[in-house]
Amino acid sequence: MDKKPTLILAACCGPCATVAIEQLSSRYNIIIAFWGNNLESLEEYNKRLEALKIVNEKLNNNAPMRVEDYKQIDFNNLDISKENEKTKFVIDNFQRSTLNFETDPEGSHRCRLCYFLRLQNAVKIADKIFKENSKYEYICFATTLSTSPHKDSAMIDIIGGLAQDTSPHNTFNGYPRTYVSYLPTNFKGNGGFNKSVVMSKKLCIYRQTFCGCKYSNKN
């Protein structure tokens, strides 16, 4: 019987997911989560999703994926009315720090809100799995973002912790207990990024030339 814990892998694209799956699959049952509402177009969304499906089939035993339908967001005008108070607080603070940083390079202040939104989507998926099936003792989540040499892994890990704290499952009878747990990663380490390039070429998948949002395409 497979007793590996479940991990929700928030994947930004196929290439970044290659080394992430390779490093994690021996320890976790991976569910790939794709959230692409930051992307500048539906065409870009579809290209990345198709690449990710190939990676999932070839490297992750074609496990079920959780895919968020494309609905492009305005980072400066998000509807957070249905979010819990912890989530509202984080988004409000990140929005204020993101304003007027549109021309900053990838990995700067403006990226933090995007990191949080995709990680919080993974938390929502984990929460939903808990509701659907009570067999889970805990669920981990991580992101493929740290594969990129343009991403600050330490910053991502801090934001992952903030996303973890938004889960309503992380309190039990008033006592702190973690059911939805963020897994810190640095997939670019030890030549991870270069390996992702090699693996992507072998799989013949789409490799984008920009991070994804309209701002990154202008940098």
Protein backbone atom coordinates (compact mmCIF):
# COMPACT_ATOMS: atom_id res chain seq x y z
CA MET A 1 0.00 0.00 0.00
CA ASP A 2 1.32 3.43 -1.00
CA LYS A 3 1.66 5.48 2.19
CA LYS A 4 3.41 8.48 0.64
CA PRO A 5 1.85 11.80 1.65
CA THR A 6 0.03 13.87 -0.94
CA LEU A 7 1.59 17.04 -2.26
CA ILE A 8 -0.12 19.74 -4.31
CA LEU A 9 2.48 21.07 -6.75
CA ALA A 10 1.58 24.56 -7.95
CA ALA A 11 3.09 24.43 -11.43
CA CYS A 12 3.67 27.55 -13.50
CA CYS A 13 4.71 25.66 -16.65
CA GLY A 14 5.97 22.34 -17.97
CA PRO A 15 9.71 23.08 -18.00
CA CYS A 16 9.84 24.18 -14.35
CA ALA A 17 7.80 21.14 -13.31
CA THR A 18 10.28 18.62 -14.76
CA VAL A 19 12.96 18.74 -12.07
CA ALA A 20 10.39 19.41 -9.35
CA ILE A 21 8.57 16.16 -10.10
CA GLU A 22 11.85 14.28 -10.43
CA GLN A 23 12.97 15.45 -6.98
CA LEU A 24 9.63 14.97 -5.21
CA SER A 25 8.01 11.90 -6.75
CA SER A 26 9.92 9.37 -4.62
CA ARG A 27 8.59 10.98 -1.42
CA TYR A 28 5.13 12.25 -2.38
CA ASN A 29 2.05 11.45 -4.43
CA ILE A 30 1.98 14.58 -6.56
CA ILE A 31 -1.14 16.38 -7.73
CA ILE A 32 -0.22 19.08 -10.21
CA ALA A 33 -2.21 22.31 -9.84
CA PHE A 34 -2.23 24.78 -12.72
CA TRP A 35 -3.32 28.36 -12.10
CA GLY A 36 -2.59 30.66 -15.04
CA ASN A 37 -4.76 33.70 -14.43
CA ASN A 38 -1.68 35.90 -14.32
CA LEU A 39 -0.85 35.07 -17.94
CA GLU A 40 -1.22 37.76 -20.57
CA SER A 41 -3.40 35.73 -22.95
CA LEU A 42 -5.46 32.59 -23.35
CA GLU A 43 -3.05 31.48 -26.07
CA GLU A 44 -0.14 31.54 -23.60
CA TYR A 45 -2.27 29.74 -21.01
CA ASN A 46 -3.06 26.93 -23.45
CA LYS A 47 0.58 26.51 -24.52
CA ARG A 48 1.73 26.13 -20.93
CA LEU A 49 -1.11 23.84 -19.97
CA GLU A 50 -0.40 21.53 -22.92
CA ALA A 51 3.29 21.34 -21.97
CA LEU A 52 2.35 20.62 -18.38
CA LYS A 53 0.02 17.81 -19.42
CA ILE A 54 2.88 16.17 -21.32
CA VAL A 55 5.15 16.44 -18.28
CA ASN A 56 2.43 15.01 -16.05
CA GLU A 57 1.90 12.08 -18.41
CA LYS A 58 5.59 11.27 -18.88
CA LEU A 59 6.96 11.98 -15.40
CA ASN A 60 4.00 11.78 -13.00
CA ASN A 61 2.11 8.67 -14.16
CA ASN A 62 -0.59 10.85 -15.70
CA ALA A 63 -2.04 11.52 -12.24
CA PRO A 64 -5.20 13.65 -12.04
CA MET A 65 -4.48 17.37 -12.34
CA ARG A 66 -6.34 20.30 -10.82
CA VAL A 67 -6.67 23.00 -13.47
CA GLU A 68 -8.12 26.45 -12.88
CA ASP A 69 -9.98 27.77 -15.94
CA TYR A 70 -8.42 30.87 -17.44
CA LYS A 71 -9.75 34.18 -16.21
CA GLN A 72 -7.20 36.94 -16.54
CA ILE A 73 -6.88 39.03 -13.40
CA ASP A 74 -6.10 42.67 -12.79
CA PHE A 75 -3.53 42.63 -9.99
CA ASN A 76 -4.51 46.12 -8.88
CA ASN A 77 -8.25 45.41 -8.81
CA LEU A 78 -8.84 41.96 -7.33
CA ASP A 79 -12.21 40.80 -6.02
CA ILE A 80 -11.40 39.43 -2.56
CA SER A 81 -14.91 39.69 -1.12
CA LYS A 82 -15.23 35.89 -0.73
CA GLU A 83 -11.81 35.37 0.85
CA ASN A 84 -11.23 34.80 4.57
CA GLU A 85 -9.79 37.59 6.71
CA LYS A 86 -6.22 36.28 6.71
CA THR A 87 -6.21 36.10 2.91
CA LYS A 88 -7.71 39.58 2.58
CA PHE A 89 -5.02 41.00 4.85
CA VAL A 90 -2.14 39.50 2.85
CA ILE A 91 -3.58 40.45 -0.55
CA ASP A 92 -4.31 44.01 0.59
CA ASN A 93 -0.72 44.46 1.77
CA PHE A 94 0.78 42.92 -1.35
CA GLN A 95 -1.45 45.04 -3.59
CA ARG A 96 -0.20 48.22 -1.96
CA SER A 97 3.42 47.11 -2.33
CA THR A 98 2.83 46.11 -5.96
CA LEU A 99 1.35 49.41 -7.17
CA ASN A 100 3.72 51.51 -9.28
CA PHE A 101 6.26 48.68 -9.59
CA GLU A 102 5.03 47.56 -13.02
CA THR A 103 8.33 48.44 -14.71
CA ASP A 104 10.51 46.65 -12.16
CA PRO A 105 12.34 43.47 -13.26
CA GLU A 106 11.09 39.94 -12.77
CA GLY A 107 11.41 38.75 -9.18
CA SER A 108 10.89 42.22 -7.67
CA HIS A 109 8.09 43.63 -5.49
CA ARG A 110 5.39 43.27 -8.14
CA CYS A 111 5.86 39.51 -8.29
CA ARG A 112 5.04 38.81 -4.64
CA LEU A 113 1.28 39.10 -5.08
CA CYS A 114 1.38 36.65 -8.00
CA TYR A 115 3.39 34.16 -5.92
CA PHE A 116 0.84 34.37 -3.14
CA LEU A 117 -2.19 33.94 -5.42
CA ARG A 118 -0.87 30.77 -7.04
CA LEU A 119 0.25 29.29 -3.70
CA GLN A 120 -3.05 30.17 -2.10
CA ASN A 121 -4.81 28.36 -4.96
CA ALA A 122 -2.84 25.25 -3.95
CA VAL A 123 -4.02 25.73 -0.36
CA LYS A 124 -7.63 25.92 -1.54
CA ILE A 125 -7.19 22.67 -3.45
CA ALA A 126 -5.74 20.99 -0.35
CA ASP A 127 -8.66 22.28 1.74
CA LYS A 128 -11.12 20.91 -0.80
CA ILE A 129 -9.41 17.50 -0.76
CA PHE A 130 -9.75 17.40 3.02
CA LYS A 131 -13.48 18.05 2.70
CA GLU A 132 -13.87 15.35 0.04
CA ASN A 133 -11.89 12.67 1.86
CA SER A 134 -11.16 12.38 5.58
CA LYS A 135 -8.37 9.79 5.16
CA TYR A 136 -5.67 12.44 4.92
CA GLU A 137 -3.66 13.29 8.03
CA TYR A 138 -2.05 16.23 6.28
CA ILE A 139 -1.36 17.54 2.78
CA CYS A 140 1.75 19.38 1.62
CA PHE A 141 2.00 21.99 -1.08
CA ALA A 142 4.95 23.43 -2.99
CA THR A 143 5.64 25.44 -6.12
CA THR A 144 7.79 24.96 -9.21
CA LEU A 145 8.66 28.68 -9.22
CA SER A 146 11.98 28.04 -7.50
CA THR A 147 13.27 26.27 -10.63
CA SER A 148 13.78 29.65 -12.29
CA PRO A 149 17.10 31.48 -11.76
CA HIS A 150 15.07 34.72 -11.79
CA LYS A 151 13.07 33.78 -8.69
CA ASP A 152 14.15 34.37 -5.09
CA SER A 153 13.56 31.04 -3.34
CA ALA A 154 13.77 32.62 0.12
CA MET A 155 11.04 35.12 -0.77
CA ILE A 156 8.89 32.34 -2.21
CA ASP A 157 9.27 30.33 1.00
CA ILE A 158 8.16 33.28 3.13
CA ILE A 159 5.08 33.73 0.95
CA GLY A 160 4.43 29.99 1.08
CA GLY A 161 4.27 30.27 4.84
CA LEU A 162 1.76 33.10 4.55
CA ALA A 163 -0.36 31.01 2.21
CA GLN A 164 -0.20 28.08 4.63
CA ASP A 165 -1.60 30.28 7.39
CA THR A 166 -4.73 31.04 5.33
CA SER A 167 -5.97 27.44 5.50
CA PRO A 168 -8.95 27.04 7.87
CA HIS A 169 -7.77 23.48 8.54
CA ASN A 170 -4.64 24.68 10.33
CA THR A 171 -6.36 25.18 13.70
CA PHE A 172 -7.83 22.36 15.77
CA ASN A 173 -10.06 23.11 18.79
CA GLY A 174 -8.25 26.37 19.32
CA TYR A 175 -4.78 24.77 19.36
CA PRO A 176 -2.36 25.32 16.45
CA ARG A 177 -2.01 22.26 14.24
CA THR A 178 -0.83 22.11 10.66
CA TYR A 179 -2.89 20.01 8.26
CA VAL A 180 -1.96 21.94 5.11
CA SER A 181 1.81 22.36 5.15
CA TYR A 182 4.07 24.37 2.84
CA LEU A 183 7.21 22.57 1.64
CA PRO A 184 10.19 24.93 1.09
CA THR A 185 12.14 24.16 -2.08
CA ASN A 186 14.96 25.39 -4.27
CA PHE A 187 14.71 23.35 -7.44
CA LYS A 188 17.27 25.49 -9.27
CA GLY A 189 19.99 24.29 -6.89
CA ASN A 190 22.68 21.79 -7.92
CA GLY A 191 22.17 22.52 -11.60
CA GLY A 192 18.41 22.05 -11.40
CA PHE A 193 17.57 24.80 -13.87
CA ASN A 194 19.99 23.52 -16.51
CA LYS A 195 18.61 20.03 -16.03
CA SER A 196 15.07 21.34 -16.57
CA VAL A 197 16.19 22.77 -19.92
CA VAL A 198 17.63 19.42 -20.99
CA MET A 199 14.55 17.50 -19.85
CA SER A 200 12.22 19.95 -21.62
CA LYS A 201 14.08 19.54 -24.89
CA LYS A 202 13.87 15.75 -24.62
CA LEU A 203 10.12 16.00 -24.08
CA CYS A 204 9.81 18.51 -26.96
CA ILE A 205 7.61 20.82 -24.89
CA TYR A 206 6.99 24.54 -25.15
CA ARG A 207 9.54 26.71 -23.31
CA GLN A 208 8.41 30.28 -22.83
CA THR A 209 10.75 33.28 -23.03
CA PHE A 210 9.06 35.39 -20.32
CA CYS A 211 7.54 34.77 -16.91
CA GLY A 212 3.94 35.20 -17.98
CA CYS A 213 2.21 38.47 -17.08
CA LYS A 214 1.96 41.48 -19.37
CA TYR A 215 4.58 43.32 -17.34
CA SER A 216 7.19 40.56 -17.66
CA ASN A 217 6.69 40.44 -21.43
CA LYS A 218 7.80 44.07 -21.62
CA ASN A 219 10.92 43.72 -19.45
